[in-house]
C-alpha atoms as a PDB file:
ATOM      1  CA  UNK A   1      43.469-114.626 188.659  1.00  0.00           C
ATOM      2  CA  UNK A   2      44.029-116.459 191.939  1.00  0.00           C
ATOM      3  CA  UNK A   3      40.976-116.678 194.165  1.00  0.00           C
ATOM      4  CA  UNK A   4      41.379-116.090 197.873  1.00  0.00           C
ATOM      5  CA  UNK A   5      39.805-118.963 199.851  1.00  0.00           C
ATOM      6  CA  UNK A   6      36.725-117.664 201.672  1.00  0.00           C
ATOM      7  CA  UNK A   7      36.570-119.339 205.079  1.00  0.00           C
ATOM      8  CA  UNK A   8      34.619-117.994 208.044  1.00  0.00           C
ATOM      9  CA  UNK A   9      36.782-118.859 211.050  1.00  0.00           C
ATOM     10  CA  UNK A  10      37.720-117.157 214.298  1.00  0.00           C
ATOM     11  CA  UNK A  11      41.413-118.057 214.028  1.00  0.00           C
ATOM     12  CA  UNK A  12      43.553-117.457 210.947  1.00  0.00           C
ATOM     13  CA  UNK A  13      43.857-120.674 208.924  1.00  0.00           C
ATOM     14  CA  UNK A  14      47.305-122.109 208.328  1.00  0.00           C
ATOM     15  CA  UNK A  15      48.686-124.328 205.572  1.00  0.00           C
ATOM     16  CA  UNK A  16      51.451-126.779 206.485  1.00  0.00           C
ATOM     17  CA  UNK A  17      53.707-127.866 203.615  1.00  0.00           C
ATOM     18  CA  UNK A  18      55.837-131.004 203.924  1.00  0.00           C
ATOM     19  CA  UNK A  19      58.291-131.546 201.034  1.00  0.00           C
ATOM     20  CA  UNK A  20      61.978-132.383 201.012  1.00  0.00           C
ATOM     21  CA  UNK A  21      62.574-130.021 198.058  1.00  0.00           C
ATOM     22  CA  UNK A  22      63.329-126.554 199.418  1.00  0.00           C
ATOM     23  CA  UNK A  23      62.408-124.870 196.132  1.00  0.00           C
ATOM     24  CA  UNK A  24      58.955-126.472 196.197  1.00  0.00           C
ATOM     25  CA  UNK A  25      58.429-125.409 199.810  1.00  0.00           C
ATOM     26  CA  UNK A  26      59.408-121.825 199.005  1.00  0.00           C
ATOM     27  CA  UNK A  27      57.215-121.670 195.892  1.00  0.00           C
ATOM     28  CA  UNK A  28      54.171-122.993 197.732  1.00  0.00           C
ATOM     29  CA  UNK A  29      54.763-120.726 200.715  1.00  0.00           C
ATOM     30  CA  UNK A  30      54.878-117.736 198.367  1.00  0.00           C
ATOM     31  CA  UNK A  31      51.678-118.877 196.616  1.00  0.00           C
ATOM     32  CA  UNK A  32      49.720-119.319 199.835  1.00  0.00           C
ATOM     33  CA  UNK A  33      50.956-116.067 201.360  1.00  0.00           C
ATOM     34  CA  UNK A  34      49.922-114.230 198.177  1.00  0.00           C
ATOM     35  CA  UNK A  35      46.285-115.002 199.060  1.00  0.00           C
ATOM     36  CA  UNK A  36      46.671-114.110 202.727  1.00  0.00           C
ATOM     37  CA  UNK A  37      47.219-117.546 204.256  1.00  0.00           C
ATOM     38  CA  UNK A  38      49.677-118.324 207.037  1.00  0.00           C
ATOM     39  CA  UNK A  39      52.194-121.009 206.077  1.00  0.00           C
ATOM     40  CA  UNK A  40      54.522-123.377 207.907  1.00  0.00           C
ATOM     41  CA  UNK A  41      57.017-125.476 205.913  1.00  0.00           C
ATOM     42  CA  UNK A  42      58.800-128.713 206.821  1.00  0.00           C
ATOM     43  CA  UNK A  43      61.430-130.817 205.070  1.00  0.00           C
ATOM     44  CA  UNK A  44      60.199-134.149 206.444  1.00  0.00           C
ATOM     45  CA  UNK A  45      57.471-135.855 208.420  1.00  0.00           C
ATOM     46  CA  UNK A  46      59.805-135.911 211.424  1.00  0.00           C
ATOM     47  CA  UNK A  47      60.202-132.139 211.255  1.00  0.00           C
ATOM     48  CA  UNK A  48      56.429-131.719 211.193  1.00  0.00           C
ATOM     49  CA  UNK A  49      55.908-133.941 214.238  1.00  0.00           C
ATOM     50  CA  UNK A  50      58.681-132.217 216.178  1.00  0.00           C
ATOM     51  CA  UNK A  51      56.963-128.830 215.959  1.00  0.00           C
ATOM     52  CA  UNK A  52      54.039-127.590 218.035  1.00  0.00           C
ATOM     53  CA  UNK A  53      51.158-126.458 215.846  1.00  0.00           C
ATOM     54  CA  UNK A  54      48.636-123.678 216.298  1.00  0.00           C
ATOM     55  CA  UNK A  55      45.117-124.716 217.236  1.00  0.00           C
ATOM     56  CA  UNK A  56      43.583-123.262 214.099  1.00  0.00           C
ATOM     57  CA  UNK A  57      41.798-124.502 210.978  1.00  0.00           C
ATOM     58  CA  UNK A  58      44.146-125.581 208.231  1.00  0.00           C
ATOM     59  CA  UNK A  59      45.411-128.377 206.055  1.00  0.00           C
ATOM     60  CA  UNK A  60      48.528-130.326 205.198  1.00  0.00           C
ATOM     61  CA  UNK A  61      50.066-130.198 201.708  1.00  0.00           C
ATOM     62  CA  UNK A  62      52.135-133.353 201.625  1.00  0.00           C
ATOM     63  CA  UNK A  63      54.594-134.807 199.117  1.00  0.00           C
ATOM     64  CA  UNK A  64      54.078-138.528 198.528  1.00  0.00           C
ATOM     65  CA  UNK A  65      57.799-139.290 198.342  1.00  0.00           C
ATOM     66  CA  UNK A  66      59.575-138.084 201.452  1.00  0.00           C
ATOM     67  CA  UNK A  67      62.872-139.084 203.076  1.00  0.00           C
ATOM     68  CA  UNK A  68      62.265-141.682 205.786  1.00  0.00           C
ATOM     69  CA  UNK A  69      58.514-142.104 206.225  1.00  0.00           C
ATOM     70  CA  UNK A  70      56.612-141.850 202.918  1.00  0.00           C
ATOM     71  CA  UNK A  71      53.711-139.456 202.572  1.00  0.00           C
ATOM     72  CA  UNK A  72      51.175-142.301 202.482  1.00  0.00           C
ATOM     73  CA  UNK A  73      52.664-143.946 205.569  1.00  0.00           C
ATOM     74  CA  UNK A  74      52.719-140.555 207.280  1.00  0.00           C
ATOM     75  CA  UNK A  75      49.012-140.174 206.479  1.00  0.00           C
ATOM     76  CA  UNK A  76      48.344-143.485 208.255  1.00  0.00           C
ATOM     77  CA  UNK A  77      50.545-142.421 211.169  1.00  0.00           C
ATOM     78  CA  UNK A  78      48.624-139.169 211.616  1.00  0.00           C
ATOM     79  CA  UNK A  79      45.310-141.051 211.538  1.00  0.00           C
ATOM     80  CA  UNK A  80      46.601-143.405 214.242  1.00  0.00           C
ATOM     81  CA  UNK A  81      47.471-140.312 216.321  1.00  0.00           C
ATOM     82  CA  UNK A  82      43.895-139.034 215.788  1.00  0.00           C
ATOM     83  CA  UNK A  83      45.269-136.050 213.879  1.00  0.00           C
ATOM     84  CA  UNK A  84      42.469-135.269 211.410  1.00  0.00           C
ATOM     85  CA  UNK A  85      44.161-132.409 209.571  1.00  0.00           C
ATOM     86  CA  UNK A  86      42.929-132.610 205.943  1.00  0.00           C
ATOM     87  CA  UNK A  87      45.652-133.716 203.539  1.00  0.00           C
ATOM     88  CA  UNK A  88      46.362-132.703 199.945  1.00  0.00           C
ATOM     89  CA  UNK A  89      48.910-134.977 198.310  1.00  0.00           C
ATOM     90  CA  UNK A  90      51.295-133.904 195.563  1.00  0.00           C
ATOM     91  CA  UNK A  91      53.714-136.009 193.599  1.00  0.00           C
ATOM     92  CA  UNK A  92      55.793-136.106 190.484  1.00  0.00           C
ATOM     93  CA  UNK A  93      55.716-139.893 190.375  1.00  0.00           C
ATOM     94  CA  UNK A  94      52.127-140.717 191.340  1.00  0.00           C
ATOM     95  CA  UNK A  95      50.146-143.605 189.959  1.00  0.00           C
ATOM     96  CA  UNK A  96      46.529-144.699 190.164  1.00  0.00           C
ATOM     97  CA  UNK A  97      46.888-147.216 193.046  1.00  0.00           C
ATOM     98  CA  UNK A  98      48.750-144.599 195.073  1.00  0.00           C
ATOM     99  CA  UNK A  99      46.092-141.948 194.564  1.00  0.00           C
ATOM    100  CA  UNK A 100      43.279-144.428 195.286  1.00  0.00           C
ATOM    101  CA  UNK A 101      44.915-145.432 198.553  1.00  0.00           C
ATOM    102  CA  UNK A 102      45.376-141.786 199.535  1.00  0.00           C
ATOM    103  CA  UNK A 103      41.775-140.828 198.755  1.00  0.00           C
ATOM    104  CA  UNK A 104      40.328-143.878 200.498  1.00  0.00           C
ATOM    105  CA  UNK A 105      42.279-142.903 203.584  1.00  0.00           C
ATOM    106  CA  UNK A 106      40.610-139.495 203.541  1.00  0.00           C
ATOM    107  CA  UNK A 107      42.862-137.258 201.442  1.00  0.00           C
ATOM    108  CA  UNK A 108      41.155-134.157 200.018  1.00  0.00           C
ATOM    109  CA  UNK A 109      43.005-134.216 196.698  1.00  0.00           C
ATOM    110  CA  UNK A 110      45.949-135.758 194.865  1.00  0.00           C
ATOM    111  CA  UNK A 111      47.779-133.343 192.566  1.00  0.00           C
ATOM    112  CA  UNK A 112      50.454-134.391 190.096  1.00  0.00           C
ATOM    113  CA  UNK A 113      53.433-132.067 189.663  1.00  0.00           C
ATOM    114  CA  UNK A 114      53.492-129.720 187.882  1.00  0.00           C
ATOM    115  CA  UNK A 115      50.048-128.515 188.925  1.00  0.00           C
ATOM    116  CA  UNK A 116      48.284-125.224 188.256  1.00  0.00           C
ATOM    117  CA  UNK A 117      48.421-122.714 191.087  1.00  0.00           C
ATOM    118  CA  UNK A 118      44.640-122.368 190.998  1.00  0.00           C
ATOM    119  CA  UNK A 119      44.158-126.129 191.328  1.00  0.00           C
ATOM    120  CA  UNK A 120      46.258-126.078 194.480  1.00  0.00           C
ATOM    121  CA  UNK A 121      44.452-123.039 195.858  1.00  0.00           C
ATOM    122  CA  UNK A 122      41.069-124.643 195.174  1.00  0.00           C
ATOM    123  CA  UNK A 123      42.156-127.823 196.948  1.00  0.00           C
ATOM    124  CA  UNK A 124      43.490-125.865 199.928  1.00  0.00           C
ATOM    125  CA  UNK A 125      40.310-123.793 200.144  1.00  0.00           C
ATOM    126  CA  UNK A 126      38.191-126.958 200.214  1.00  0.00           C
ATOM    127  CA  UNK A 127      40.454-128.554 202.831  1.00  0.00           C
ATOM    128  CA  UNK A 128      40.385-125.530 205.130  1.00  0.00           C
ATOM    129  CA  UNK A 129      36.615-125.246 204.862  1.00  0.00           C
ATOM    130  CA  UNK A 130      36.274-128.920 205.780  1.00  0.00           C
ATOM    131  CA  UNK A 131      38.619-128.568 208.746  1.00  0.00           C
ATOM    132  CA  UNK A 132      36.788-125.463 209.978  1.00  0.00           C
ATOM    133  CA  UNK A 133      33.463-127.306 209.737  1.00  0.00           C
ATOM    134  CA  UNK A 134      34.890-130.330 211.568  1.00  0.00           C
ATOM    135  CA  UNK A 135      36.176-128.072 214.329  1.00  0.00           C
ATOM    136  CA  UNK A 136      32.829-126.347 214.708  1.00  0.00           C
ATOM    137  CA  UNK A 137      31.135-129.744 214.899  1.00  0.00           C
ATOM    138  CA  UNK A 138      33.595-130.975 217.527  1.00  0.00           C
ATOM    139  CA  UNK A 139      33.130-127.817 219.606  1.00  0.00           C
ATOM    140  CA  UNK A 140      29.346-128.185 219.396  1.00  0.00           C
ATOM    141  CA  UNK A 141      29.598-131.797 220.597  1.00  0.00           C
ATOM    142  CA  UNK A 142      31.847-130.771 223.478  1.00  0.00           C
ATOM    143  CA  UNK A 143      29.255-128.170 224.498  1.00  0.00           C
ATOM    144  CA  UNK A 144      26.473-130.750 224.214  1.00  0.00           C
ATOM    145  CA  UNK A 145      28.359-133.307 226.320  1.00  0.00           C
ATOM    146  CA  UNK A 146      29.073-130.659 228.960  1.00  0.00           C
ATOM    147  CA  UNK A 147      25.378-129.755 229.117  1.00  0.00           C
ATOM    148  CA  UNK A 148      24.407-133.420 229.453  1.00  0.00           C
ATOM    149  CA  UNK A 149      27.029-133.818 232.172  1.00  0.00           C
ATOM    150  CA  UNK A 150      25.244-131.103 234.170  1.00  0.00           C
ATOM    151  CA  UNK A 151      22.051-133.199 234.397  1.00  0.00           C
ATOM    152  CA  UNK A 152      21.251-135.162 237.532  1.00  0.00           C
ATOM    153  CA  UNK A 153      20.856-138.953 237.210  1.00  0.00           C
ATOM    154  CA  UNK A 154      17.074-138.562 237.443  1.00  0.00           C
ATOM    155  CA  UNK A 155      17.027-135.839 234.790  1.00  0.00           C
ATOM    156  CA  UNK A 156      19.001-138.131 232.485  1.00  0.00           C
ATOM    157  CA  UNK A 157      16.420-140.863 232.985  1.00  0.00           C
ATOM    158  CA  UNK A 158      13.601-138.456 232.207  1.00  0.00           C
ATOM    159  CA  UNK A 159      15.422-137.174 229.116  1.00  0.00           C
ATOM    160  CA  UNK A 160      15.966-140.716 227.834  1.00  0.00           C
ATOM    161  CA  UNK A 161      12.300-141.656 228.172  1.00  0.00           C
ATOM    162  CA  UNK A 162      10.880-138.348 226.942  1.00  0.00           C
ATOM    163  CA  UNK A 163      13.054-138.343 223.820  1.00  0.00           C
ATOM    164  CA  UNK A 164      11.997-141.945 223.176  1.00  0.00           C
ATOM    165  CA  UNK A 165       8.461-140.636 222.705  1.00  0.00           C
ATOM    166  CA  UNK A 166       6.842-141.350 226.086  1.00  0.00           C
ATOM    167  CA  UNK A 167       4.309-138.982 227.632  1.00  0.00           C
ATOM    168  CA  UNK A 168       4.962-137.446 231.052  1.00  0.00           C
ATOM    169  CA  UNK A 169       2.416-139.763 232.666  1.00  0.00           C
ATOM    170  CA  UNK A 170       4.097-142.837 231.127  1.00  0.00           C
ATOM    171  CA  UNK A 171       7.514-141.676 232.279  1.00  0.00           C
ATOM    172  CA  UNK A 172       6.162-141.158 235.768  1.00  0.00           C
ATOM    173  CA  UNK A 173       4.739-144.673 235.811  1.00  0.00           C
ATOM    174  CA  UNK A 174       8.082-146.170 234.774  1.00  0.00           C
ATOM    175  CA  UNK A 175      10.119-144.157 237.256  1.00  0.00           C
ATOM    176  CA  UNK A 176       7.642-144.107 240.132  1.00  0.00           C
ATOM    177  CA  UNK A 177       7.181-140.336 239.946  1.00  0.00           C
ATOM    178  CA  UNK A 178       4.143-138.086 239.819  1.00  0.00           C
ATOM    179  CA  UNK A 179       3.326-136.441 236.509  1.00  0.00           C
ATOM    180  CA  UNK A 180       4.061-132.993 237.941  1.00  0.00           C
ATOM    181  CA  UNK A 181       7.479-134.150 239.142  1.00  0.00           C
ATOM    182  CA  UNK A 182       8.269-135.473 235.661  1.00  0.00           C
ATOM    183  CA  UNK A 183       7.233-132.083 234.221  1.00  0.00           C
ATOM    184  CA  UNK A 184       9.626-130.324 236.598  1.00  0.00           C
ATOM    185  CA  UNK A 185      12.503-132.634 235.651  1.00  0.00           C
ATOM    186  CA  UNK A 186      11.637-132.249 231.983  1.00  0.00           C
ATOM    187  CA  UNK A 187      11.715-128.459 232.295  1.00  0.00           C
ATOM    188  CA  UNK A 188      15.112-128.638 233.995  1.00  0.00           C
ATOM    189  CA  UNK A 189      16.400-130.880 231.208  1.00  0.00           C
ATOM    190  CA  UNK A 190      15.214-128.488 228.498  1.00  0.00           C
ATOM    191  CA  UNK A 191      16.800-125.533 230.271  1.00  0.00           C
ATOM    192  CA  UNK A 192      20.146-127.184 230.982  1.00  0.00           C
ATOM    193  CA  UNK A 193      20.403-128.651 227.483  1.00  0.00           C
ATOM    194  CA  UNK A 194      19.447-125.341 225.903  1.00  0.00           C
ATOM    195  CA  UNK A 195      16.719-127.070 223.889  1.00  0.00           C
ATOM    196  CA  UNK A 196      13.928-124.830 222.657  1.00  0.00           C
ATOM    197  CA  UNK A 197      11.643-127.707 221.671  1.00  0.00           C
ATOM    198  CA  UNK A 198      11.164-131.427 222.164  1.00  0.00           C
ATOM    199  CA  UNK A 199      12.285-131.994 218.564  1.00  0.00           C
ATOM    200  CA  UNK A 200      15.596-130.262 219.348  1.00  0.00           C
ATOM    201  CA  UNK A 201      16.008-132.329 222.506  1.00  0.00           C
ATOM    202  CA  UNK A 202      15.404-135.511 220.491  1.00  0.00           C
ATOM    203  CA  UNK A 203      18.153-134.498 218.052  1.00  0.00           C
ATOM    204  CA  UNK A 204      20.509-133.860 220.970  1.00  0.00           C
ATOM    205  CA  UNK A 205      19.731-137.292 222.415  1.00  0.00           C
ATOM    206  CA  UNK A 206      20.435-138.895 219.057  1.00  0.00           C
ATOM    207  CA  UNK A 207      23.750-137.060 218.759  1.00  0.00           C
ATOM    208  CA  UNK A 208      24.709-138.237 222.250  1.00  0.00           C
ATOM    209  CA  UNK A 209      23.546-141.796 221.590  1.00  0.00           C
ATOM    210  CA  UNK A 210      21.044-141.696 224.443  1.00  0.00           C
ATOM    211  CA  UNK A 211      18.228-144.225 224.684  1.00  0.00           C
ATOM    212  CA  UNK A 212      15.841-145.385 227.392  1.00  0.00           C
END
């Protein structure tokens, strides 16, 4: 029995299929729709690039041998465009070097035709979960950068020194401020960054690459 991928996302995930064989595209579209996934199909890499895509979690099911740009070259092209959509390769003519190259470049899976429906569904489920997690991480970083951008230059200095392990008095000595003034800046930093503890603020500084 086919398992429906369980992915907690706010937007419906979508699977993009790129294969020059219309029968393969139709079969895969039917398979994915049978478990409640949205599907978009394309006959070539050019067709995929020419279309606007929904800003939603998803993955790309890609044939290795395509007309024009090959699947592996298309993978490299997408990476150069900073398109991080997870890729599942499929081929009827795959070999070990080809699959190694695909996986090293970040592919989720490499399935040889004919493959079991469940193997494809498992691969797609894993890919969508990874993409959803990546999107949540990117959104969290955007929020963190926006919060840091709201700090004044002095607050950024205080944050850098405090998260490096210095006491308020030491920070004041370095910056020429009174201890009470450092405490005020530190409180503002905690509030604006949404940090509930110094440990959380330290983690935020590490994520942002902030040092004294």
